[in-house]
Amino acid sequence: MSEAQLGLMTATPIIIIFAIALRKMGVLSTVATISAVSLSVAIATVLFTTQ
């Protein structure tokens, strides 16, 4: 596993946790939270498989 893949595995859960925390604080709507989580997972998947 390369350093880039390790970074993706570290950063993606942090982004997801941050989006959920912002949703609980009322900063993000449900749609925005779902979009942020799904897009971060999609981007991480594409980048992980192409590394």
N, C-alpha and C. Protein backbone atom coordinates (compact mmCIF):
# COMPACT_ATOMS: atom_id res chain seq x y z
N MET A 1 0.85 -1.17 0.00
CA MET A 1 0.00 0.00 0.00
C MET A 1 0.90 1.24 0.00
N SER A 2 0.59 2.16 -0.89
CA SER A 2 1.41 3.36 -1.01
C SER A 2 1.01 4.39 0.05
N GLU A 3 1.84 5.41 0.16
CA GLU A 3 1.53 6.48 1.12
C GLU A 3 0.27 7.23 0.73
N ALA A 4 0.04 7.38 -0.57
CA ALA A 4 -1.17 8.07 -1.04
C ALA A 4 -2.42 7.29 -0.64
N GLN A 5 -2.38 5.97 -0.78
CA GLN A 5 -3.53 5.16 -0.40
C GLN A 5 -3.75 5.20 1.11
N LEU A 6 -2.68 5.21 1.87
CA LEU A 6 -2.79 5.32 3.32
C LEU A 6 -3.40 6.66 3.71
N GLY A 7 -3.00 7.70 3.02
CA GLY A 7 -3.57 9.03 3.26
C GLY A 7 -5.04 9.08 2.94
N LEU A 8 -5.45 8.43 1.86
CA LEU A 8 -6.88 8.38 1.52
C LEU A 8 -7.67 7.62 2.57
N MET A 9 -7.09 6.54 3.07
CA MET A 9 -7.79 5.76 4.10
C MET A 9 -7.87 6.52 5.42
N THR A 10 -7.01 7.48 5.61
CA THR A 10 -7.04 8.29 6.82
C THR A 10 -7.96 9.50 6.65
N ALA A 11 -7.89 10.14 5.51
CA ALA A 11 -8.62 11.39 5.29
C ALA A 11 -10.11 11.18 5.09
N THR A 12 -10.49 10.11 4.40
CA THR A 12 -11.90 9.89 4.09
C THR A 12 -12.76 9.73 5.34
N PRO A 13 -12.38 8.91 6.32
CA PRO A 13 -13.20 8.83 7.53
C PRO A 13 -13.26 10.16 8.30
N ILE A 14 -12.18 10.92 8.26
CA ILE A 14 -12.19 12.23 8.93
C ILE A 14 -13.20 13.16 8.27
N ILE A 15 -13.23 13.16 6.94
CA ILE A 15 -14.21 13.98 6.22
C ILE A 15 -15.63 13.56 6.56
N ILE A 16 -15.86 12.25 6.62
CA ILE A 16 -17.19 11.74 6.94
C ILE A 16 -17.60 12.13 8.35
N ILE A 17 -16.71 11.96 9.30
CA ILE A 17 -17.01 12.33 10.69
C ILE A 17 -17.27 13.83 10.81
N PHE A 18 -16.49 14.63 10.10
CA PHE A 18 -16.66 16.08 10.14
C PHE A 18 -18.01 16.47 9.55
N ALA A 19 -18.42 15.85 8.44
CA ALA A 19 -19.71 16.15 7.83
C ALA A 19 -20.86 15.77 8.76
N ILE A 20 -20.75 14.63 9.42
CA ILE A 20 -21.80 14.22 10.36
C ILE A 20 -21.86 15.16 11.55
N ALA A 21 -20.70 15.58 12.04
CA ALA A 21 -20.68 16.52 13.16
C ALA A 21 -21.31 17.86 12.77
N LEU A 22 -21.02 18.32 11.56
CA LEU A 22 -21.64 19.56 11.10
C LEU A 22 -23.15 19.41 10.96
N ARG A 23 -23.61 18.23 10.55
CA ARG A 23 -25.04 17.97 10.45
C ARG A 23 -25.69 18.02 11.83
N LYS A 24 -25.03 17.43 12.82
CA LYS A 24 -25.59 17.41 14.17
C LYS A 24 -25.64 18.81 14.78
N MET A 25 -24.69 19.66 14.38
CA MET A 25 -24.69 21.04 14.87
C MET A 25 -25.69 21.91 14.13
N GLY A 26 -26.26 21.39 13.05
CA GLY A 26 -27.25 22.14 12.29
C GLY A 26 -26.67 23.01 11.20
N VAL A 27 -25.40 22.84 10.89
CA VAL A 27 -24.75 23.67 9.88
C VAL A 27 -25.08 23.15 8.48
N LEU A 28 -25.10 21.82 8.31
CA LEU A 28 -25.39 21.22 7.02
C LEU A 28 -26.78 20.61 7.02
N SER A 29 -27.40 20.63 5.85
CA SER A 29 -28.68 19.94 5.71
C SER A 29 -28.41 18.45 5.51
N THR A 30 -29.46 17.68 5.56
CA THR A 30 -29.32 16.24 5.38
C THR A 30 -28.82 15.93 3.97
N VAL A 31 -29.35 16.62 2.98
CA VAL A 31 -28.94 16.39 1.60
C VAL A 31 -27.47 16.74 1.42
N ALA A 32 -27.02 17.83 2.00
CA ALA A 32 -25.62 18.22 1.89
C ALA A 32 -24.71 17.22 2.58
N THR A 33 -25.15 16.68 3.71
CA THR A 33 -24.35 15.68 4.42
C THR A 33 -24.23 14.41 3.60
N ILE A 34 -25.34 13.95 3.06
CA ILE A 34 -25.32 12.75 2.23
C ILE A 34 -24.45 12.96 1.00
N SER A 35 -24.54 14.14 0.40
CA SER A 35 -23.71 14.44 -0.77
C SER A 35 -22.24 14.44 -0.41
N ALA A 36 -21.89 15.08 0.69
CA ALA A 36 -20.49 15.15 1.11
C ALA A 36 -19.93 13.77 1.39
N VAL A 37 -20.69 12.95 2.09
CA VAL A 37 -20.23 11.61 2.43
C VAL A 37 -20.10 10.75 1.17
N SER A 38 -21.12 10.75 0.34
CA SER A 38 -21.09 9.89 -0.84
C SER A 38 -20.01 10.33 -1.84
N LEU A 39 -19.85 11.62 -2.02
CA LEU A 39 -18.81 12.09 -2.94
C LEU A 39 -17.41 11.84 -2.41
N SER A 40 -17.21 11.98 -1.11
CA SER A 40 -15.88 11.70 -0.57
C SER A 40 -15.53 10.23 -0.69
N VAL A 41 -16.51 9.36 -0.49
CA VAL A 41 -16.28 7.92 -0.67
C VAL A 41 -16.01 7.61 -2.13
N ALA A 42 -16.76 8.21 -3.03
CA ALA A 42 -16.57 7.96 -4.46
C ALA A 42 -15.19 8.43 -4.92
N ILE A 43 -14.81 9.62 -4.51
CA ILE A 43 -13.50 10.16 -4.89
C ILE A 43 -12.38 9.30 -4.32
N ALA A 44 -12.51 8.91 -3.07
CA ALA A 44 -11.48 8.08 -2.44
C ALA A 44 -11.38 6.73 -3.14
N THR A 45 -12.51 6.17 -3.54
CA THR A 45 -12.50 4.89 -4.23
C THR A 45 -11.78 4.98 -5.58
N VAL A 46 -12.11 6.03 -6.33
CA VAL A 46 -11.47 6.21 -7.64
C VAL A 46 -9.96 6.44 -7.47
N LEU A 47 -9.61 7.30 -6.55
CA LEU A 47 -8.19 7.59 -6.35
C LEU A 47 -7.43 6.38 -5.80
N PHE A 48 -8.08 5.63 -4.92
CA PHE A 48 -7.43 4.46 -4.33
C PHE A 48 -7.15 3.40 -5.39
N THR A 49 -8.11 3.19 -6.28
CA THR A 49 -7.94 2.14 -7.28
C THR A 49 -6.99 2.55 -8.41
N THR A 50 -6.80 3.84 -8.61
CA THR A 50 -5.91 4.28 -9.69
C THR A 50 -4.49 4.54 -9.22
N GLN A 51 -4.23 4.44 -7.93
CA GLN A 51 -2.88 4.67 -7.41
C GLN A 51 -2.00 3.49 -7.69
